């Protein structure tokens, strides 16, 4: 019975996450969540929490699910930084192309709604965005970019990644999204090519 309950909980959380993703926090009512999860209001409160609590659980679920995929994509950044960044963007592009998922990004749309969200949810969204920048910064530093360049590109790549979700929700097609990714990857490629190569007798910088 414990296993069955856990399965049902995961299913309900996924359904709630999709509902919030599709309609946003403000656009989702308890009746919407009841229809999505198949649970009545009383069961939602007792099993999943109030609306704010449930939304935070869904936000964490979304961030963990795609965060793991982004981490896997960036894992080869030390040896292949360009390929790693392309793979990072591929995670987003594949999610956007999946017809079984809503358009856009749950974190991006939450971030855009920060001015009207409760302080707790707004802080949670900022933390999720911060984790994205941190994983990119660490990967780019591992790829031998200087600290300041790694910081700049981490901000840029994170911003482009969020913009892909917004563009897709506004109707941009795959070719447009790939073109945007291409500009970023080309800029990173140029930065990597122009890194100063140290003199063989001075390895202290490497």
N, C-alpha and C. Protein backbone atom coordinates (compact mmCIF):
# COMPACT_ATOMS: atom_id res chain seq x y z
N UNK A 1 0.82 -1.21 0.00
CA UNK A 1 0.00 0.00 0.00
C UNK A 1 0.86 1.26 0.00
N UNK A 2 2.01 1.20 0.71
CA UNK A 2 2.87 2.38 0.74
C UNK A 2 3.38 2.71 -0.64
N UNK A 3 3.74 1.68 -1.41
CA UNK A 3 4.21 1.92 -2.77
C UNK A 3 3.15 2.51 -3.65
N UNK A 4 1.92 2.03 -3.50
CA UNK A 4 0.81 2.55 -4.30
C UNK A 4 0.56 4.01 -3.97
N UNK A 5 0.62 4.37 -2.66
CA UNK A 5 0.39 5.75 -2.26
C UNK A 5 1.46 6.67 -2.85
N UNK A 6 2.72 6.23 -2.85
CA UNK A 6 3.79 7.04 -3.39
C UNK A 6 3.62 7.26 -4.88
N UNK A 7 3.21 6.21 -5.58
CA UNK A 7 2.97 6.34 -7.02
C UNK A 7 1.88 7.38 -7.28
N UNK A 8 0.80 7.29 -6.53
CA UNK A 8 -0.29 8.24 -6.70
C UNK A 8 0.16 9.66 -6.37
N UNK A 9 1.00 9.80 -5.37
CA UNK A 9 1.51 11.13 -5.00
C UNK A 9 2.33 11.71 -6.14
N UNK A 10 3.22 10.91 -6.72
CA UNK A 10 4.03 11.39 -7.84
C UNK A 10 3.16 11.78 -9.02
N UNK A 11 2.15 10.98 -9.29
CA UNK A 11 1.24 11.27 -10.40
C UNK A 11 0.50 12.58 -10.16
N UNK A 12 0.03 12.76 -8.93
CA UNK A 12 -0.70 13.99 -8.60
C UNK A 12 0.20 15.21 -8.68
N UNK A 13 1.43 15.10 -8.20
CA UNK A 13 2.37 16.22 -8.26
C UNK A 13 2.71 16.57 -9.70
N UNK A 14 2.91 15.56 -10.53
CA UNK A 14 3.19 15.83 -11.94
C UNK A 14 2.00 16.53 -12.60
N UNK A 15 0.79 16.08 -12.29
CA UNK A 15 -0.40 16.70 -12.87
C UNK A 15 -0.53 18.15 -12.42
N UNK A 16 -0.26 18.40 -11.14
CA UNK A 16 -0.31 19.77 -10.63
C UNK A 16 0.77 20.63 -11.27
N UNK A 17 1.96 20.07 -11.43
CA UNK A 17 3.05 20.81 -12.05
C UNK A 17 2.69 21.22 -13.49
N UNK A 18 2.11 20.29 -14.24
CA UNK A 18 1.71 20.60 -15.61
C UNK A 18 0.65 21.69 -15.62
N UNK A 19 -0.28 21.63 -14.69
CA UNK A 19 -1.33 22.66 -14.62
C UNK A 19 -0.74 24.03 -14.33
N UNK A 20 0.13 24.12 -13.35
CA UNK A 20 0.78 25.40 -13.06
C UNK A 20 1.62 25.87 -14.24
N UNK A 21 2.31 24.94 -14.87
CA UNK A 21 3.16 25.25 -16.03
C UNK A 21 2.31 25.81 -17.17
N UNK A 22 1.17 25.22 -17.38
CA UNK A 22 0.32 25.64 -18.50
C UNK A 22 -0.34 26.99 -18.23
N UNK A 23 -0.84 27.19 -17.03
CA UNK A 23 -1.66 28.37 -16.75
C UNK A 23 -0.99 29.39 -15.84
N UNK A 24 0.14 29.03 -15.20
CA UNK A 24 0.78 29.93 -14.27
C UNK A 24 0.14 29.86 -12.89
N UNK A 25 0.83 30.43 -11.92
CA UNK A 25 0.32 30.38 -10.55
C UNK A 25 -1.01 31.13 -10.43
N UNK A 26 -1.04 32.37 -10.90
CA UNK A 26 -2.25 33.19 -10.74
C UNK A 26 -3.41 32.63 -11.55
N UNK A 27 -3.11 32.00 -12.68
CA UNK A 27 -4.16 31.49 -13.55
C UNK A 27 -4.66 30.11 -13.18
N UNK A 28 -4.15 29.55 -12.11
CA UNK A 28 -4.56 28.21 -11.67
C UNK A 28 -5.37 28.32 -10.39
N UNK A 29 -6.57 27.79 -10.41
CA UNK A 29 -7.43 27.79 -9.23
C UNK A 29 -7.40 26.41 -8.57
N UNK A 30 -7.95 26.32 -7.37
CA UNK A 30 -8.05 25.02 -6.71
C UNK A 30 -8.93 24.07 -7.50
N UNK A 31 -9.96 24.61 -8.16
CA UNK A 31 -10.80 23.76 -9.01
C UNK A 31 -9.98 23.20 -10.17
N UNK A 32 -9.10 24.02 -10.75
CA UNK A 32 -8.22 23.54 -11.83
C UNK A 32 -7.33 22.41 -11.31
N UNK A 33 -6.76 22.60 -10.12
CA UNK A 33 -5.89 21.58 -9.55
C UNK A 33 -6.67 20.31 -9.22
N UNK A 34 -7.91 20.47 -8.79
CA UNK A 34 -8.74 19.31 -8.51
C UNK A 34 -9.00 18.51 -9.78
N UNK A 35 -9.32 19.23 -10.86
CA UNK A 35 -9.56 18.53 -12.13
C UNK A 35 -8.28 17.86 -12.64
N UNK A 36 -7.16 18.55 -12.49
CA UNK A 36 -5.90 18.02 -13.01
C UNK A 36 -5.44 16.78 -12.24
N UNK A 37 -5.59 16.82 -10.93
CA UNK A 37 -5.07 15.73 -10.11
C UNK A 37 -6.08 14.63 -9.84
N UNK A 38 -7.35 14.93 -10.05
CA UNK A 38 -8.40 13.96 -9.72
C UNK A 38 -8.69 13.90 -8.23
N UNK A 39 -8.19 14.87 -7.46
CA UNK A 39 -8.40 14.91 -6.03
C UNK A 39 -9.38 16.04 -5.68
N UNK A 40 -10.20 15.82 -4.67
CA UNK A 40 -11.06 16.91 -4.23
C UNK A 40 -10.26 17.90 -3.39
N UNK A 41 -10.85 19.02 -3.06
CA UNK A 41 -10.12 20.07 -2.35
C UNK A 41 -9.57 19.58 -1.02
N UNK A 42 -10.38 18.82 -0.31
CA UNK A 42 -9.94 18.31 0.99
C UNK A 42 -8.71 17.42 0.85
N UNK A 43 -8.71 16.58 -0.18
CA UNK A 43 -7.57 15.68 -0.40
C UNK A 43 -6.33 16.46 -0.83
N UNK A 44 -6.52 17.51 -1.62
CA UNK A 44 -5.39 18.35 -2.03
C UNK A 44 -4.74 18.96 -0.80
N UNK A 45 -5.55 19.54 0.08
CA UNK A 45 -5.01 20.18 1.28
C UNK A 45 -4.31 19.17 2.19
N UNK A 46 -4.93 17.99 2.37
CA UNK A 46 -4.37 17.02 3.31
C UNK A 46 -3.14 16.30 2.74
N UNK A 47 -3.10 16.10 1.43
CA UNK A 47 -2.01 15.33 0.83
C UNK A 47 -0.92 16.19 0.20
N UNK A 48 -1.32 17.33 -0.37
CA UNK A 48 -0.38 18.14 -1.15
C UNK A 48 -0.12 19.51 -0.55
N UNK A 49 -0.99 19.97 0.35
CA UNK A 49 -0.82 21.28 0.95
C UNK A 49 -1.71 22.33 0.31
N UNK A 50 -1.63 23.56 0.84
CA UNK A 50 -2.40 24.65 0.24
C UNK A 50 -1.78 25.04 -1.10
N UNK A 51 -2.38 26.00 -1.77
CA UNK A 51 -1.94 26.33 -3.12
C UNK A 51 -0.48 26.78 -3.14
N UNK A 52 -0.09 27.63 -2.21
CA UNK A 52 1.30 28.10 -2.18
C UNK A 52 2.27 26.95 -1.95
N UNK A 53 1.96 26.10 -0.99
CA UNK A 53 2.82 24.96 -0.68
C UNK A 53 2.94 24.03 -1.87
N UNK A 54 1.82 23.76 -2.51
CA UNK A 54 1.82 22.87 -3.67
C UNK A 54 2.61 23.48 -4.82
N UNK A 55 2.45 24.78 -5.03
CA UNK A 55 3.20 25.41 -6.11
C UNK A 55 4.71 25.33 -5.86
N UNK A 56 5.12 25.56 -4.62
CA UNK A 56 6.55 25.47 -4.30
C UNK A 56 7.06 24.05 -4.51
N UNK A 57 6.26 23.07 -4.16
CA UNK A 57 6.66 21.67 -4.39
C UNK A 57 6.81 21.40 -5.88
N UNK A 58 5.90 21.94 -6.66
CA UNK A 58 5.96 21.75 -8.12
C UNK A 58 7.16 22.47 -8.72
N UNK A 59 7.45 23.67 -8.21
CA UNK A 59 8.59 24.42 -8.69
C UNK A 59 9.88 23.67 -8.40
N UNK A 60 9.99 23.12 -7.20
CA UNK A 60 11.16 22.33 -6.84
C UNK A 60 11.26 21.07 -7.70
N UNK A 61 10.13 20.46 -7.96
CA UNK A 61 10.10 19.23 -8.77
C UNK A 61 10.59 19.53 -10.18
N UNK A 62 10.10 20.62 -10.73
CA UNK A 62 10.50 21.03 -12.08
C UNK A 62 11.99 21.35 -12.11
N UNK A 63 12.46 22.13 -11.14
CA UNK A 63 13.86 22.53 -11.11
C UNK A 63 14.78 21.34 -10.96
N UNK A 64 14.39 20.37 -10.14
CA UNK A 64 15.22 19.18 -9.95
C UNK A 64 15.25 18.32 -11.21
N UNK A 65 14.09 18.15 -11.82
CA UNK A 65 14.00 17.29 -13.00
C UNK A 65 14.87 17.81 -14.14
N UNK A 66 14.73 19.09 -14.43
CA UNK A 66 15.51 19.64 -15.54
C UNK A 66 16.91 20.03 -15.09
N UNK A 67 17.08 20.33 -13.81
CA UNK A 67 18.43 20.61 -13.30
C UNK A 67 19.34 19.42 -13.47
N UNK A 68 18.83 18.21 -13.21
CA UNK A 68 19.63 17.00 -13.40
C UNK A 68 20.05 16.86 -14.86
N UNK A 69 19.14 17.18 -15.76
CA UNK A 69 19.45 17.06 -17.19
C UNK A 69 20.49 18.11 -17.61
N UNK A 70 20.35 19.32 -17.08
CA UNK A 70 21.34 20.36 -17.39
C UNK A 70 22.71 19.99 -16.84
N UNK A 71 22.72 19.45 -15.63
CA UNK A 71 24.00 19.04 -15.04
C UNK A 71 24.67 17.96 -15.88
N UNK A 72 23.89 17.00 -16.35
CA UNK A 72 24.45 15.94 -17.19
C UNK A 72 25.00 16.52 -18.49
N UNK A 73 24.29 17.49 -19.08
CA UNK A 73 24.74 18.10 -20.33
C UNK A 73 26.06 18.84 -20.13
N UNK A 74 26.21 19.49 -18.98
CA UNK A 74 27.40 20.31 -18.72
C UNK A 74 28.56 19.51 -18.12
N UNK A 75 28.36 18.23 -17.90
CA UNK A 75 29.37 17.44 -17.20
C UNK A 75 30.68 17.32 -17.97
N UNK A 76 30.64 17.51 -19.29
CA UNK A 76 31.89 17.40 -20.07
C UNK A 76 32.48 18.77 -20.41
N UNK A 77 32.07 19.80 -19.68
CA UNK A 77 32.52 21.15 -20.01
C UNK A 77 34.03 21.32 -19.89
N UNK A 78 34.66 20.59 -18.99
CA UNK A 78 36.11 20.74 -18.81
C UNK A 78 36.88 20.38 -20.07
N UNK A 79 36.42 19.36 -20.78
CA UNK A 79 37.14 18.92 -21.98
C UNK A 79 36.49 19.42 -23.27
N UNK A 80 35.17 19.64 -23.25
CA UNK A 80 34.45 20.05 -24.46
C UNK A 80 33.43 21.14 -24.11
N UNK A 81 33.89 22.34 -23.79
CA UNK A 81 32.96 23.38 -23.34
C UNK A 81 31.88 23.75 -24.35
N UNK A 82 32.25 23.83 -25.63
CA UNK A 82 31.25 24.19 -26.63
C UNK A 82 30.19 23.10 -26.76
N UNK A 83 30.63 21.85 -26.82
CA UNK A 83 29.67 20.75 -26.92
C UNK A 83 28.78 20.70 -25.69
N UNK A 84 29.35 21.02 -24.53
CA UNK A 84 28.56 21.02 -23.30
C UNK A 84 27.48 22.09 -23.33
N UNK A 85 27.82 23.28 -23.81
CA UNK A 85 26.82 24.35 -23.87
C UNK A 85 25.74 24.02 -24.91
N UNK A 86 26.16 23.45 -26.04
CA UNK A 86 25.15 23.02 -27.01
C UNK A 86 24.21 21.99 -26.39
N UNK A 87 24.77 21.03 -25.65
CA UNK A 87 23.95 20.01 -25.00
C UNK A 87 23.02 20.64 -23.97
N UNK A 88 23.51 21.66 -23.28
CA UNK A 88 22.69 22.40 -22.32
C UNK A 88 21.46 22.98 -23.03
N UNK A 89 21.69 23.66 -24.13
CA UNK A 89 20.57 24.22 -24.88
C UNK A 89 19.67 23.13 -25.44
N UNK A 90 20.24 21.99 -25.82
CA UNK A 90 19.44 20.90 -26.36
C UNK A 90 18.40 20.42 -25.35
N UNK A 91 18.75 20.44 -24.06
CA UNK A 91 17.77 20.05 -23.04
C UNK A 91 16.53 20.93 -23.14
N UNK A 92 16.75 22.23 -23.29
CA UNK A 92 15.63 23.17 -23.40
C UNK A 92 14.88 22.98 -24.71
N UNK A 93 15.62 22.85 -25.80
CA UNK A 93 14.97 22.71 -27.11
C UNK A 93 14.16 21.43 -27.20
N UNK A 94 14.67 20.35 -26.62
CA UNK A 94 13.92 19.08 -26.63
C UNK A 94 12.66 19.19 -25.77
N UNK A 95 12.76 19.89 -24.65
CA UNK A 95 11.58 20.09 -23.82
C UNK A 95 10.54 20.92 -24.57
N UNK A 96 10.99 21.96 -25.25
CA UNK A 96 10.07 22.81 -26.01
C UNK A 96 9.40 22.02 -27.13
N UNK A 97 10.15 21.12 -27.76
CA UNK A 97 9.62 20.36 -28.90
C UNK A 97 8.71 19.22 -28.49
N UNK A 98 8.66 18.88 -27.21
CA UNK A 98 7.85 17.76 -26.74
C UNK A 98 6.38 18.15 -26.77
N UNK A 99 5.57 17.52 -27.63
CA UNK A 99 4.16 17.90 -27.73
C UNK A 99 3.35 17.55 -26.49
N UNK A 100 3.90 16.71 -25.62
CA UNK A 100 3.18 16.33 -24.42
C UNK A 100 3.36 17.30 -23.26
N UNK A 101 4.19 18.34 -23.47
CA UNK A 101 4.45 19.31 -22.41
C UNK A 101 3.94 20.69 -22.80
N UNK A 102 3.59 21.53 -21.84
CA UNK A 102 3.18 22.90 -22.17
C UNK A 102 4.34 23.68 -22.77
N UNK A 103 4.01 24.75 -23.45
CA UNK A 103 5.04 25.64 -23.98
C UNK A 103 5.71 26.38 -22.83
N UNK A 104 6.90 26.91 -23.13
CA UNK A 104 7.56 27.77 -22.16
C UNK A 104 8.27 27.01 -21.06
N UNK A 105 8.49 27.69 -19.94
CA UNK A 105 9.26 27.17 -18.82
C UNK A 105 8.58 27.62 -17.53
N UNK A 106 8.35 26.71 -16.63
CA UNK A 106 7.67 27.05 -15.38
C UNK A 106 8.45 28.09 -14.58
N UNK A 107 9.77 27.95 -14.55
CA UNK A 107 10.59 28.90 -13.79
C UNK A 107 10.59 30.26 -14.46
N UNK A 108 10.71 30.29 -15.79
CA UNK A 108 10.73 31.57 -16.51
C UNK A 108 9.41 32.33 -16.32
N UNK A 109 8.30 31.64 -16.46
CA UNK A 109 7.02 32.34 -16.32
C UNK A 109 6.78 32.77 -14.87
N UNK A 110 7.30 31.99 -13.93
CA UNK A 110 7.20 32.39 -12.53
C UNK A 110 8.04 33.64 -12.27
N UNK A 111 9.23 33.67 -12.85
CA UNK A 111 10.10 34.83 -12.69
C UNK A 111 9.45 36.10 -13.25
N UNK A 112 8.78 35.96 -14.38
CA UNK A 112 8.13 37.12 -14.99
C UNK A 112 6.98 37.64 -14.13
N UNK A 113 6.42 36.76 -13.29
CA UNK A 113 5.29 37.16 -12.45
C UNK A 113 5.73 37.58 -11.06
N UNK A 114 7.04 37.66 -10.80
CA UNK A 114 7.54 37.96 -9.45
C UNK A 114 6.88 39.20 -8.82
N UNK A 115 6.66 40.29 -9.56
CA UNK A 115 6.07 41.48 -8.92
C UNK A 115 4.72 41.24 -8.25
N UNK A 116 3.98 40.21 -8.69
CA UNK A 116 2.65 39.98 -8.11
C UNK A 116 2.60 38.71 -7.27
N UNK A 117 3.73 38.08 -7.05
CA UNK A 117 3.77 36.85 -6.26
C UNK A 117 4.06 37.16 -4.79
N UNK A 118 3.78 36.21 -3.94
CA UNK A 118 4.11 36.36 -2.52
C UNK A 118 5.63 36.37 -2.38
N UNK A 119 6.14 36.99 -1.32
CA UNK A 119 7.60 37.04 -1.13
C UNK A 119 8.25 35.66 -1.12
N UNK A 120 7.59 34.68 -0.52
CA UNK A 120 8.16 33.35 -0.45
C UNK A 120 8.32 32.70 -1.81
N UNK A 121 7.29 32.81 -2.65
CA UNK A 121 7.36 32.22 -3.99
C UNK A 121 8.35 33.00 -4.85
N UNK A 122 8.36 34.32 -4.73
CA UNK A 122 9.30 35.14 -5.50
C UNK A 122 10.73 34.76 -5.15
N UNK A 123 11.02 34.58 -3.86
CA UNK A 123 12.36 34.20 -3.43
C UNK A 123 12.74 32.83 -3.98
N UNK A 124 11.78 31.93 -4.01
CA UNK A 124 12.03 30.58 -4.53
C UNK A 124 12.39 30.64 -6.01
N UNK A 125 11.67 31.47 -6.76
CA UNK A 125 11.95 31.61 -8.19
C UNK A 125 13.35 32.20 -8.42
N UNK A 126 13.70 33.20 -7.62
CA UNK A 126 15.04 33.80 -7.74
C UNK A 126 16.13 32.77 -7.43
N UNK A 127 15.88 31.94 -6.43
CA UNK A 127 16.86 30.90 -6.09
C UNK A 127 17.04 29.92 -7.24
N UNK A 128 15.95 29.56 -7.89
CA UNK A 128 16.03 28.64 -9.03
C UNK A 128 16.84 29.25 -10.16
N UNK A 129 16.62 30.53 -10.44
CA UNK A 129 17.40 31.21 -11.47
C UNK A 129 18.87 31.29 -11.07
N UNK A 130 19.13 31.54 -9.78
CA UNK A 130 20.50 31.61 -9.30
C UNK A 130 21.23 30.29 -9.45
N UNK A 131 20.53 29.17 -9.21
CA UNK A 131 21.16 27.86 -9.37
C UNK A 131 21.52 27.61 -10.83
N UNK A 132 20.69 28.11 -11.73
CA UNK A 132 21.00 27.95 -13.16
C UNK A 132 22.29 28.69 -13.51
N UNK A 133 22.41 29.92 -13.05
CA UNK A 133 23.62 30.69 -13.33
C UNK A 133 24.85 30.04 -12.69
N UNK A 134 24.67 29.51 -11.49
CA UNK A 134 25.79 28.89 -10.79
C UNK A 134 26.31 27.66 -11.52
N UNK A 135 25.41 26.82 -12.00
CA UNK A 135 25.86 25.61 -12.71
C UNK A 135 26.56 25.99 -14.01
N UNK A 136 26.07 27.03 -14.67
CA UNK A 136 26.73 27.47 -15.91
C UNK A 136 28.09 28.09 -15.61
N UNK A 137 28.16 28.91 -14.59
CA UNK A 137 29.43 29.54 -14.22
C UNK A 137 30.49 28.48 -13.89
N UNK A 138 30.11 27.49 -13.11
CA UNK A 138 31.05 26.42 -12.75
C UNK A 138 31.51 25.65 -13.97
N UNK A 139 30.59 25.38 -14.89
CA UNK A 139 30.95 24.63 -16.09
C UNK A 139 31.88 25.44 -17.00
N UNK A 140 31.62 26.73 -17.14
CA UNK A 140 32.44 27.56 -18.01
C UNK A 140 33.83 27.79 -17.42
N UNK A 141 33.90 27.87 -16.10
CA UNK A 141 35.21 27.97 -15.46
C UNK A 141 35.98 26.66 -15.65
N UNK A 142 35.28 25.54 -15.58
CA UNK A 142 35.93 24.25 -15.82
C UNK A 142 36.42 24.16 -17.27
N UNK A 143 35.73 24.88 -18.17
CA UNK A 143 36.15 24.92 -19.56
C UNK A 143 37.25 25.91 -19.83
N UNK A 144 37.88 26.44 -18.77
CA UNK A 144 39.07 27.30 -18.83
C UNK A 144 38.79 28.75 -19.19
N UNK A 145 37.54 29.18 -19.09
CA UNK A 145 37.29 30.61 -19.24
C UNK A 145 37.74 31.32 -17.97
N UNK A 146 38.35 32.51 -18.08
CA UNK A 146 38.68 33.29 -16.88
C UNK A 146 37.42 33.59 -16.07
N UNK A 147 37.61 33.87 -14.80
CA UNK A 147 36.47 34.05 -13.90
C UNK A 147 35.46 35.08 -14.42
N UNK A 148 35.94 36.24 -14.86
CA UNK A 148 35.03 37.28 -15.29
C UNK A 148 34.27 36.87 -16.56
N UNK A 149 34.97 36.23 -17.51
CA UNK A 149 34.31 35.75 -18.72
C UNK A 149 33.29 34.66 -18.39
N UNK A 150 33.66 33.79 -17.47
CA UNK A 150 32.73 32.72 -17.07
C UNK A 150 31.48 33.32 -16.45
N UNK A 151 31.65 34.35 -15.63
CA UNK A 151 30.51 35.02 -15.01
C UNK A 151 29.63 35.67 -16.06
N UNK A 152 30.26 36.37 -17.01
CA UNK A 152 29.50 37.08 -18.05
C UNK A 152 28.74 36.11 -18.93
N UNK A 153 29.42 35.05 -19.37
CA UNK A 153 28.76 34.08 -20.24
C UNK A 153 27.69 33.29 -19.49
N UNK A 154 27.90 33.03 -18.21
CA UNK A 154 26.87 32.33 -17.44
C UNK A 154 25.59 33.16 -17.39
N UNK A 155 25.72 34.46 -17.16
CA UNK A 155 24.55 35.35 -17.16
C UNK A 155 23.89 35.34 -18.54
N UNK A 156 24.73 35.41 -19.58
CA UNK A 156 24.19 35.49 -20.94
C UNK A 156 23.50 34.19 -21.34
N UNK A 157 24.15 33.06 -21.11
CA UNK A 157 23.57 31.78 -21.50
C UNK A 157 22.28 31.51 -20.73
N UNK A 158 22.28 31.84 -19.45
CA UNK A 158 21.06 31.65 -18.66
C UNK A 158 19.92 32.52 -19.20
N UNK A 159 20.26 33.77 -19.56
CA UNK A 159 19.23 34.67 -20.09
C UNK A 159 18.70 34.17 -21.43
N UNK A 160 19.59 33.71 -22.29
CA UNK A 160 19.16 33.17 -23.59
C UNK A 160 18.30 31.94 -23.39
N UNK A 161 18.70 31.09 -22.45
CA UNK A 161 17.93 29.87 -22.21
C UNK A 161 16.51 30.20 -21.77
N UNK A 162 16.36 31.18 -20.90
CA UNK A 162 15.02 31.59 -20.48
C UNK A 162 14.25 32.23 -21.64
N UNK A 163 14.96 32.97 -22.48
CA UNK A 163 14.28 33.63 -23.61
C UNK A 163 13.74 32.61 -24.60
N UNK A 164 14.40 31.47 -24.74
CA UNK A 164 13.91 30.44 -25.66
C UNK A 164 12.52 29.98 -25.23
N UNK A 165 12.34 29.81 -23.92
CA UNK A 165 11.04 29.39 -23.41
C UNK A 165 9.97 30.45 -23.68
N UNK A 166 10.35 31.71 -23.46
CA UNK A 166 9.40 32.80 -23.70
C UNK A 166 9.07 32.90 -25.19
N UNK A 167 10.09 32.81 -26.04
CA UNK A 167 9.87 32.88 -27.49
C UNK A 167 8.98 31.74 -27.98
N UNK A 168 9.22 30.54 -27.45
CA UNK A 168 8.41 29.40 -27.89
C UNK A 168 6.95 29.59 -27.50
N UNK A 169 6.74 30.16 -26.33
CA UNK A 169 5.36 30.39 -25.87
C UNK A 169 4.69 31.44 -26.74
N UNK A 170 5.49 32.34 -27.31
CA UNK A 170 4.95 33.38 -28.19
C UNK A 170 4.83 32.91 -29.63
N UNK A 171 5.22 31.67 -29.90
CA UNK A 171 5.00 31.11 -31.25
C UNK A 171 6.23 30.98 -32.11
N UNK A 172 7.42 31.24 -31.59
CA UNK A 172 8.64 31.09 -32.38
C UNK A 172 8.86 29.62 -32.74
N UNK A 173 9.31 29.38 -33.96
CA UNK A 173 9.52 28.02 -34.44
C UNK A 173 10.92 27.52 -34.16
N UNK A 174 11.17 26.23 -34.44
CA UNK A 174 12.48 25.64 -34.17
C UNK A 174 13.64 26.37 -34.84
N UNK A 175 13.45 26.82 -36.09
CA UNK A 175 14.54 27.49 -36.81
C UNK A 175 14.93 28.79 -36.11
N UNK A 176 13.94 29.53 -35.63
CA UNK A 176 14.24 30.78 -34.92
C UNK A 176 15.00 30.51 -33.63
N UNK A 177 14.56 29.50 -32.91
CA UNK A 177 15.22 29.18 -31.64
C UNK A 177 16.65 28.69 -31.87
N UNK A 178 16.85 27.88 -32.89
CA UNK A 178 18.19 27.40 -33.20
C UNK A 178 19.11 28.55 -33.61
N UNK A 179 18.55 29.53 -34.31
CA UNK A 179 19.36 30.68 -34.72
C UNK A 179 19.83 31.47 -33.50
N UNK A 180 18.97 31.63 -32.52
CA UNK A 180 19.34 32.34 -31.30
C UNK A 180 20.44 31.57 -30.57
N UNK A 181 20.28 30.26 -30.45
CA UNK A 181 21.30 29.43 -29.81
C UNK A 181 22.62 29.54 -30.57
N UNK A 182 22.55 29.55 -31.90
CA UNK A 182 23.76 29.61 -32.72
C UNK A 182 24.58 30.86 -32.46
N UNK A 183 23.92 31.98 -32.29
CA UNK A 183 24.64 33.23 -32.01
C UNK A 183 25.40 33.13 -30.69
N UNK A 184 24.77 32.57 -29.68
CA UNK A 184 25.42 32.43 -28.37
C UNK A 184 26.59 31.46 -28.43
N UNK A 185 26.39 30.33 -29.09
CA UNK A 185 27.47 29.34 -29.19
C UNK A 185 28.64 29.91 -29.99
N UNK A 186 28.35 30.67 -31.05
CA UNK A 186 29.42 31.29 -31.84
C UNK A 186 30.21 32.29 -31.00
N UNK A 187 29.51 33.07 -30.20
CA UNK A 187 30.19 34.05 -29.33
C UNK A 187 31.09 33.34 -28.32
N UNK A 188 30.61 32.26 -27.76
CA UNK A 188 31.41 31.50 -26.81
C UNK A 188 32.60 30.86 -27.51
N UNK A 189 32.39 30.37 -28.72
CA UNK A 189 33.49 29.78 -29.49
C UNK A 189 34.60 30.79 -29.73
N UNK A 190 34.20 32.02 -30.07
CA UNK A 190 35.20 33.07 -30.29
C UNK A 190 35.96 33.38 -29.00
N UNK A 191 35.25 33.44 -27.89
CA UNK A 191 35.91 33.71 -26.61
C UNK A 191 36.91 32.61 -26.27
N UNK A 192 36.55 31.39 -26.54
CA UNK A 192 37.45 30.27 -26.26
C UNK A 192 38.66 30.28 -27.19
N UNK A 193 38.46 30.68 -28.44
CA UNK A 193 39.57 30.71 -29.40
C UNK A 193 40.57 31.80 -29.06
N UNK A 194 40.09 32.90 -28.48
CA UNK A 194 40.97 34.03 -28.23
C UNK A 194 41.59 34.00 -26.84
N UNK A 195 41.39 32.90 -26.12
CA UNK A 195 42.07 32.80 -24.83
C UNK A 195 43.57 32.86 -25.03
N UNK A 196 44.23 33.53 -24.12
CA UNK A 196 45.68 33.61 -24.20
C UNK A 196 46.30 32.26 -23.90
N UNK A 197 47.15 31.77 -24.79
CA UNK A 197 47.84 30.51 -24.57
C UNK A 197 49.13 30.81 -23.84
N UNK A 198 49.35 30.25 -22.66
CA UNK A 198 50.53 30.60 -21.87
C UNK A 198 51.82 30.06 -22.48
N UNK A 199 52.89 30.74 -22.18
CA UNK A 199 54.20 30.26 -22.58
C UNK A 199 54.46 28.90 -21.93
N UNK A 200 55.08 28.01 -22.64
CA UNK A 200 55.32 26.66 -22.11
C UNK A 200 56.13 26.70 -20.82
N UNK A 201 56.93 27.74 -20.65
CA UNK A 201 57.73 27.81 -19.44
C UNK A 201 56.98 28.40 -18.26
N UNK A 202 55.74 28.87 -18.49
CA UNK A 202 54.97 29.47 -17.40
C UNK A 202 53.63 28.75 -17.31
N UNK A 203 53.60 27.72 -16.49
CA UNK A 203 52.40 26.94 -16.35
C UNK A 203 51.62 27.31 -15.08
N UNK A 204 52.07 28.38 -14.41
CA UNK A 204 51.43 28.74 -13.14
C UNK A 204 50.00 29.18 -13.31
N UNK A 205 49.66 29.68 -14.54
CA UNK A 205 48.31 30.16 -14.75
C UNK A 205 47.35 29.03 -15.12
N UNK A 206 47.84 27.81 -15.29
CA UNK A 206 47.00 26.70 -15.78
C UNK A 206 46.89 25.63 -14.74
